[in-house]
Protein backbone atom coordinates (compact mmCIF):
# COMPACT_ATOMS: atom_id res chain seq x y z
CA UNK A 1 74.48 -60.28 -57.01
CA UNK A 2 72.01 -59.63 -54.12
CA UNK A 3 71.63 -62.35 -51.53
CA UNK A 4 68.59 -64.60 -51.72
CA UNK A 5 65.87 -63.63 -49.25
CA UNK A 6 65.31 -65.92 -46.27
CA UNK A 7 61.55 -66.00 -46.97
CA UNK A 8 59.73 -65.10 -50.19
CA UNK A 9 55.94 -65.08 -50.42
CA UNK A 10 54.78 -65.10 -54.05
CA UNK A 11 51.19 -64.25 -54.90
CA UNK A 12 49.78 -66.11 -51.94
CA UNK A 13 46.02 -66.79 -51.98
CA UNK A 14 43.83 -68.34 -49.28
CA UNK A 15 40.09 -68.63 -49.78
CA UNK A 16 37.64 -70.29 -47.39
CA UNK A 17 34.44 -71.83 -48.77
CA UNK A 18 31.07 -70.79 -47.37
CA UNK A 19 28.81 -73.81 -47.11
CA UNK A 20 25.19 -74.38 -46.25
CA UNK A 21 23.58 -77.57 -45.04
CA UNK A 22 24.45 -80.29 -42.54
CA UNK A 23 24.30 -83.63 -44.28
CA UNK A 24 24.58 -82.35 -47.83
CA UNK A 25 26.76 -79.29 -47.79
CA UNK A 26 26.55 -76.88 -50.69
CA UNK A 27 29.10 -74.14 -51.31
CA UNK A 28 27.34 -70.80 -51.63
CA UNK A 29 30.31 -68.45 -51.58
CA UNK A 30 33.96 -67.85 -50.83
CA UNK A 31 35.71 -65.76 -48.20
CA UNK A 32 38.74 -64.21 -49.92
CA UNK A 33 40.88 -63.90 -46.75
CA UNK A 34 44.22 -63.53 -48.54
CA UNK A 35 44.09 -62.54 -52.19
CA UNK A 36 47.47 -62.27 -53.85
CA UNK A 37 50.02 -61.26 -51.22
CA UNK A 38 53.74 -61.02 -52.05
CA UNK A 39 56.72 -59.92 -49.96
CA UNK A 40 60.24 -60.92 -48.92
CA UNK A 41 62.08 -61.11 -45.61
CA UNK A 42 65.88 -61.05 -45.48
CA UNK A 43 67.92 -62.77 -42.85
CA UNK A 44 68.10 -60.81 -39.61
CA UNK A 45 65.49 -58.19 -40.52
CA UNK A 46 62.00 -57.41 -39.28
CA UNK A 47 59.05 -56.98 -41.60
CA UNK A 48 55.92 -55.47 -40.05
CA UNK A 49 52.54 -56.64 -41.46
CA UNK A 50 49.88 -54.23 -40.31
CA UNK A 51 46.19 -53.62 -40.84
CA UNK A 52 42.86 -53.63 -38.99
CA UNK A 53 41.22 -56.78 -37.68
CA UNK A 54 39.95 -59.10 -40.39
CA UNK A 55 42.28 -57.97 -43.15
CA UNK A 56 44.02 -61.35 -43.47
CA UNK A 57 47.26 -60.81 -41.46
CA UNK A 58 46.94 -63.86 -39.20
CA UNK A 59 45.69 -66.06 -42.11
CA UNK A 60 48.81 -65.09 -44.05
CA UNK A 61 50.98 -66.08 -41.09
CA UNK A 62 49.17 -69.38 -40.61
CA UNK A 63 49.57 -70.32 -44.30
CA UNK A 64 53.30 -69.52 -44.14
CA UNK A 65 53.51 -71.81 -41.07
CA UNK A 66 51.68 -74.54 -43.03
CA UNK A 67 48.90 -74.50 -40.42
CA UNK A 68 46.49 -73.76 -43.25
CA UNK A 69 46.75 -75.10 -46.81
CA UNK A 70 47.02 -72.42 -49.52
CA UNK A 71 44.52 -71.96 -52.30
CA UNK A 72 47.33 -70.94 -54.68
CA UNK A 73 50.66 -69.18 -54.72
CA UNK A 74 53.97 -70.19 -53.25
CA UNK A 75 56.15 -69.58 -50.20
CA UNK A 76 59.88 -70.05 -50.62
CA UNK A 77 62.17 -70.59 -47.61
CA UNK A 78 65.85 -70.46 -48.52
CA UNK A 79 64.80 -70.76 -52.15
CA UNK A 80 62.58 -73.89 -51.76
CA UNK A 81 58.81 -73.99 -52.06
CA UNK A 82 57.59 -75.18 -48.68
CA UNK A 83 54.22 -76.29 -50.11
CA UNK A 84 56.07 -79.10 -51.94
CA UNK A 85 57.85 -80.41 -48.83
CA UNK A 86 57.38 -84.00 -47.66
CA UNK A 87 56.90 -84.84 -43.95
CA UNK A 88 60.63 -84.99 -43.15
CA UNK A 89 61.30 -81.70 -44.90
CA UNK A 90 58.34 -80.08 -43.18
CA UNK A 91 59.66 -81.24 -39.81
CA UNK A 92 62.96 -79.68 -40.59
CA UNK A 93 61.17 -76.44 -41.53
CA UNK A 94 59.57 -76.39 -38.07
CA UNK A 95 63.04 -76.08 -36.58
CA UNK A 96 63.82 -73.10 -38.78
CA UNK A 97 60.48 -71.22 -38.52
CA UNK A 98 58.84 -70.72 -35.12
CA UNK A 99 55.86 -68.71 -33.93
CA UNK A 100 54.86 -66.52 -31.00
CA UNK A 101 51.04 -66.59 -30.69
CA UNK A 102 48.85 -63.65 -29.85
CA UNK A 103 47.27 -64.87 -26.62
CA UNK A 104 49.80 -65.86 -23.92
CA UNK A 105 46.93 -67.30 -21.88
CA UNK A 106 45.78 -69.78 -24.56
CA UNK A 107 49.11 -70.68 -26.23
CA UNK A 108 50.68 -72.44 -23.18
CA UNK A 109 49.51 -75.82 -21.95
CA UNK A 110 48.26 -75.27 -18.37
CA UNK A 111 49.08 -78.87 -17.44
CA UNK A 112 52.76 -78.53 -18.34
CA UNK A 113 55.51 -76.80 -16.33
CA UNK A 114 57.57 -74.02 -17.90
CA UNK A 115 60.49 -76.42 -18.21
CA UNK A 116 58.41 -78.99 -20.07
CA UNK A 117 56.92 -76.30 -22.36
CA UNK A 118 60.33 -75.00 -23.41
CA UNK A 119 61.98 -78.43 -23.76
CA UNK A 120 59.12 -80.03 -25.71
CA UNK A 121 60.68 -79.07 -29.05
CA UNK A 122 63.91 -80.86 -28.17
CA UNK A 123 62.01 -84.05 -27.47
CA UNK A 124 60.31 -83.84 -30.89
CA UNK A 125 63.45 -82.81 -32.80
CA UNK A 126 65.90 -85.22 -31.26
CA UNK A 127 69.57 -84.44 -31.58
CA UNK A 128 69.24 -80.64 -31.31
CA UNK A 129 70.07 -80.63 -27.59
CA UNK A 130 71.21 -83.75 -25.68
CA UNK A 131 68.71 -84.80 -22.99
CA UNK A 132 71.30 -84.28 -20.27
CA UNK A 133 71.51 -80.60 -21.23
CA UNK A 134 67.77 -79.89 -21.39
CA UNK A 135 67.52 -78.41 -17.91
CA UNK A 136 70.65 -76.25 -18.18
CA UNK A 137 69.61 -74.93 -21.60
CA UNK A 138 66.11 -74.20 -20.29
CA UNK A 139 67.71 -72.15 -17.52
CA UNK A 140 69.69 -70.22 -20.12
CA UNK A 141 66.59 -69.44 -22.17
CA UNK A 142 64.62 -68.30 -19.14
CA UNK A 143 67.44 -66.01 -18.19
CA UNK A 144 67.72 -64.71 -21.77
CA UNK A 145 64.05 -63.63 -21.76
CA UNK A 146 64.30 -62.02 -18.33
CA UNK A 147 62.69 -64.69 -16.17
CA UNK A 148 64.01 -66.37 -13.02
CA UNK A 149 65.52 -69.76 -13.92
CA UNK A 150 64.42 -71.07 -10.52
CA UNK A 151 60.80 -70.87 -11.78
CA UNK A 152 61.35 -73.78 -14.18
CA UNK A 153 58.92 -76.01 -12.28
CA UNK A 154 56.08 -73.48 -12.14
CA UNK A 155 52.92 -73.64 -14.22
CA UNK A 156 51.68 -70.92 -16.65
CA UNK A 157 48.88 -69.79 -14.30
CA UNK A 158 51.51 -68.73 -11.80
CA UNK A 159 52.85 -66.02 -14.13
CA UNK A 160 51.52 -62.65 -15.29
CA UNK A 161 50.52 -62.02 -18.94
CA UNK A 162 53.83 -60.43 -19.82
CA UNK A 163 55.75 -63.24 -18.17
CA UNK A 164 53.70 -65.81 -20.10
CA UNK A 165 54.56 -64.09 -23.35
CA UNK A 166 58.22 -64.24 -22.38
CA UNK A 167 57.80 -67.99 -21.91
CA UNK A 168 56.36 -68.11 -25.43
CA UNK A 169 59.42 -66.24 -26.70
CA UNK A 170 61.74 -68.70 -24.92
CA UNK A 171 59.84 -71.61 -26.46
CA UNK A 172 60.20 -70.09 -29.91
CA UNK A 173 63.95 -69.67 -29.41
CA UNK A 174 64.57 -73.18 -28.16
CA UNK A 175 65.29 -74.67 -31.59
CA UNK A 176 67.52 -71.76 -32.75
CA UNK A 177 65.20 -70.70 -35.62
CA UNK A 178 66.15 -68.39 -38.46
CA UNK A 179 62.66 -66.83 -38.61
CA UNK A 180 60.04 -66.16 -35.93
CA UNK A 181 56.51 -65.19 -36.91
CA UNK A 182 55.13 -62.93 -34.19
CA UNK A 183 51.34 -62.97 -34.46
CA UNK A 184 50.29 -59.80 -32.55
CA UNK A 185 52.52 -60.79 -29.61
CA UNK A 186 51.80 -57.66 -27.55
CA UNK A 187 48.15 -56.84 -28.37
CA UNK A 188 46.85 -58.66 -25.24
CA UNK A 189 49.35 -56.96 -22.89
CA UNK A 190 49.37 -53.69 -20.98
CA UNK A 191 51.22 -50.78 -22.61
CA UNK A 192 54.15 -50.86 -20.23
CA UNK A 193 54.48 -54.65 -20.69
CA UNK A 194 54.25 -54.22 -24.47
CA UNK A 195 57.38 -52.09 -24.41
CA UNK A 196 59.22 -54.68 -22.36
CA UNK A 197 58.38 -57.52 -24.76
CA UNK A 198 59.20 -55.44 -27.86
CA UNK A 199 62.54 -54.41 -26.39
CA UNK A 200 63.20 -58.04 -25.53
CA UNK A 201 62.56 -59.09 -29.13
CA UNK A 202 64.95 -56.42 -30.38
CA UNK A 203 67.65 -57.47 -27.94
CA UNK A 204 67.30 -61.11 -29.03
CA UNK A 205 67.51 -60.14 -32.66
CA UNK A 206 70.73 -58.18 -32.11
CA UNK A 207 72.22 -61.10 -30.17
CA UNK A 208 71.06 -64.05 -32.28
CA UNK A 209 70.39 -62.52 -35.73
CA UNK A 210 66.89 -64.00 -36.02
CA UNK A 211 64.42 -62.53 -38.52
CA UNK A 212 60.82 -61.54 -37.60
CA UNK A 213 57.53 -61.34 -39.43
CA UNK A 214 55.78 -58.97 -36.97
CA UNK A 215 52.02 -59.11 -37.39
CA UNK A 216 50.17 -56.25 -35.63
CA UNK A 217 47.51 -53.62 -35.89
CA UNK A 218 49.35 -51.03 -33.75
CA UNK A 219 51.41 -48.92 -36.12
CA UNK A 220 53.40 -47.27 -33.30
CA UNK A 221 54.68 -50.66 -32.18
CA UNK A 222 55.46 -51.72 -35.73
CA UNK A 223 57.39 -48.49 -36.34
CA UNK A 224 59.54 -49.14 -33.28
CA UNK A 225 60.62 -52.64 -34.28
CA UNK A 226 60.38 -52.97 -38.10
CA UNK A 227 62.79 -52.05 -40.87
CA UNK A 228 60.12 -52.50 -43.54
CA UNK A 229 56.32 -52.31 -43.35
CA UNK A 230 53.55 -53.86 -45.43
CA UNK A 231 50.08 -52.34 -44.96
CA UNK A 232 47.24 -54.81 -45.59
CA UNK A 233 43.60 -54.18 -46.36
CA UNK A 234 40.96 -56.79 -47.12
CA UNK A 235 43.35 -59.49 -48.19
CA UNK A 236 45.70 -57.29 -50.27
CA UNK A 237 48.84 -55.30 -49.54
CA UNK A 238 48.15 -51.65 -50.37
CA UNK A 239 51.45 -50.02 -49.38
CA UNK A 240 54.92 -51.43 -48.92
CA UNK A 241 58.23 -49.85 -48.04
CA UNK A 242 60.84 -49.19 -45.45
CA UNK A 243 59.89 -47.65 -42.09
CA UNK A 244 60.98 -44.10 -43.09
CA UNK A 245 59.14 -44.23 -46.41
CA UNK A 246 55.82 -45.55 -45.17
CA UNK A 247 55.65 -43.34 -42.07
CA UNK A 248 57.29 -40.16 -43.36
CA UNK A 249 55.96 -40.30 -46.96
CA UNK A 250 52.60 -41.97 -46.48
CA UNK A 251 50.91 -42.43 -49.86
CA UNK A 252 47.81 -44.63 -49.54
CA UNK A 253 44.67 -43.08 -48.00
CA UNK A 254 44.16 -46.17 -45.81
CA UNK A 255 47.66 -45.81 -44.35
CA UNK A 256 46.96 -42.13 -43.73
CA UNK A 257 43.80 -43.02 -41.82
CA UNK A 258 45.62 -45.62 -39.71
CA UNK A 259 48.44 -43.23 -38.85
CA UNK A 260 45.96 -40.46 -37.95
CA UNK A 261 44.57 -42.76 -35.23
CA UNK A 262 47.94 -43.19 -33.47
CA UNK A 263 47.88 -41.23 -30.21
CA UNK A 264 50.29 -38.30 -29.90
CA UNK A 265 52.36 -38.56 -26.69
CA UNK A 266 52.99 -34.77 -26.45
CA UNK A 267 49.85 -33.06 -25.07
CA UNK A 268 50.89 -29.76 -26.68
CA UNK A 269 50.66 -31.30 -30.14
CA UNK A 270 47.43 -33.24 -29.83
CA UNK A 271 45.18 -30.43 -31.02
CA UNK A 272 47.31 -29.93 -34.16
CA UNK A 273 46.81 -33.43 -35.53
CA UNK A 274 43.98 -34.07 -37.95
CA UNK A 275 42.11 -37.34 -37.36
CA UNK A 276 40.75 -39.03 -40.47
CA UNK A 277 37.48 -40.77 -39.72
CA UNK A 278 36.56 -43.37 -42.29
CA UNK A 279 32.89 -43.62 -43.20
CA UNK A 280 31.09 -46.93 -43.62
CA UNK A 281 31.98 -50.44 -42.54
CA UNK A 282 34.73 -52.69 -43.75
CA UNK A 283 33.39 -54.59 -46.79
CA UNK A 284 32.94 -58.36 -46.41
CA UNK A 285 35.85 -60.46 -47.76
CA UNK A 286 33.15 -62.74 -49.14
CA UNK A 287 31.98 -59.97 -51.45
CA UNK A 288 34.81 -57.39 -51.88
CA UNK A 289 34.11 -54.24 -53.96
CA UNK A 290 35.07 -54.14 -57.57
CA UNK A 291 38.29 -52.35 -58.48
CA UNK A 292 40.04 -50.82 -55.47
CA UNK A 293 38.85 -52.55 -52.33
CA UNK A 294 39.22 -49.40 -50.27
CA UNK A 295 37.16 -47.17 -52.59
CA UNK A 296 33.90 -47.56 -50.57
CA UNK A 297 35.55 -45.78 -47.61
CA UNK A 298 37.98 -43.54 -49.49
CA UNK A 299 37.51 -39.76 -49.81
CA UNK A 300 39.61 -39.72 -52.98
CA UNK A 301 37.66 -42.36 -54.87
CA UNK A 302 36.68 -41.68 -58.47
CA UNK A 303 35.06 -43.65 -61.26
CA UNK A 304 38.34 -45.22 -62.28
CA UNK A 305 38.71 -46.82 -58.83
CA UNK A 306 35.59 -48.94 -59.36
CA UNK A 307 36.65 -50.20 -62.77
CA UNK A 308 40.11 -51.64 -62.25
CA UNK A 309 42.11 -52.67 -59.19
CA UNK A 310 45.28 -50.56 -58.87
CA UNK A 311 48.57 -52.40 -59.02
CA UNK A 312 51.06 -52.25 -56.20
CA UNK A 313 53.76 -50.18 -57.92
CA UNK A 314 55.96 -47.18 -57.18
CA UNK A 315 54.16 -43.94 -58.02
CA UNK A 316 56.64 -41.26 -56.99
CA UNK A 317 56.88 -41.91 -53.26
CA UNK A 318 60.00 -44.18 -53.44
CA UNK A 319 57.94 -47.23 -52.42
CA UNK A 320 55.05 -49.20 -53.97
CA UNK A 321 51.46 -48.18 -53.33
CA UNK A 322 48.21 -49.59 -54.70
CA UNK A 323 46.30 -46.35 -55.34
CA UNK A 324 45.52 -44.31 -58.45
CA UNK A 325 45.48 -41.06 -56.44
CA UNK A 326 48.24 -41.40 -53.82
CA UNK A 327 49.48 -38.61 -51.62
CA UNK A 328 52.22 -36.96 -53.73
CA UNK A 329 53.22 -33.80 -51.84
CA UNK A 330 55.99 -35.73 -50.09
CA UNK A 331 57.61 -36.48 -53.43
CA UNK A 332 57.31 -32.84 -54.46
CA UNK A 333 58.48 -31.20 -51.24
CA UNK A 334 61.08 -33.58 -49.85
CA UNK A 335 64.05 -35.37 -51.45
CA UNK A 336 63.56 -39.09 -51.68
CA UNK A 337 65.95 -41.23 -49.69
């Protein structure tokens, strides 16, 4: 019998009302930010959630963290629906699920020292670490993330962007969580610093066995760190599979377009790569197209695509894809793993 997943997201929906008026507000529409998202994360693995800006990645993460209430659906952590938790159970969940925010400049309190930032969780969740051990444990965490323990009394403005993000990683690790949600943790950093932070996250996962939900728009970073990848477009997952399947046997046209934009590091091969330029703008989540949401920008779209939304199912590529006309030459020319 397969082990129960650490986290299971079941048909998660989050809609935001559009209102007009100041004293007497009237709802005139709905932003369908997340519209039926489902996936699982096993203990100790990394799931990459990718897509362009505005597709609903961060909203999905915030709902899982209970920072936003869901419209419908369920999120199960260790088999229990977190949306039914009382305050004590929710506090216990905070110990198990932590977050690394996107902006290392805004996510750290400028009035608190590094030592206070990292130890704040222990003061809220009493009994995790005895007060007498706070300083020594903070030193250990700073050393674990590659920072000088002697800098425990410094303030965030005295560190670089990459160092600030390492402080955020140390804070997330303080309560020994089972799952860390990484909300675009390297998008605000230089490329060389991005590699350092990603390698740090991988080292920590090997050492501590923590699982990651890695939210990003950079597919090259996601490929480096993730075992499985979910591609999101306009509130829906359009392709889902392991790293080898999604990258080597790309099926959805949107995923093809995203991968074609990834720079090629070898100069000799750059002229041989075909860039797919999508026409038109991303539709508004307040008024998504009928049928397939990608059809207004898709070069494969046909009449059927406007009539009915394709289900996320396996169509011969060894992984699920939400497209009536997926890329199939991989299935025909290469053996499926």
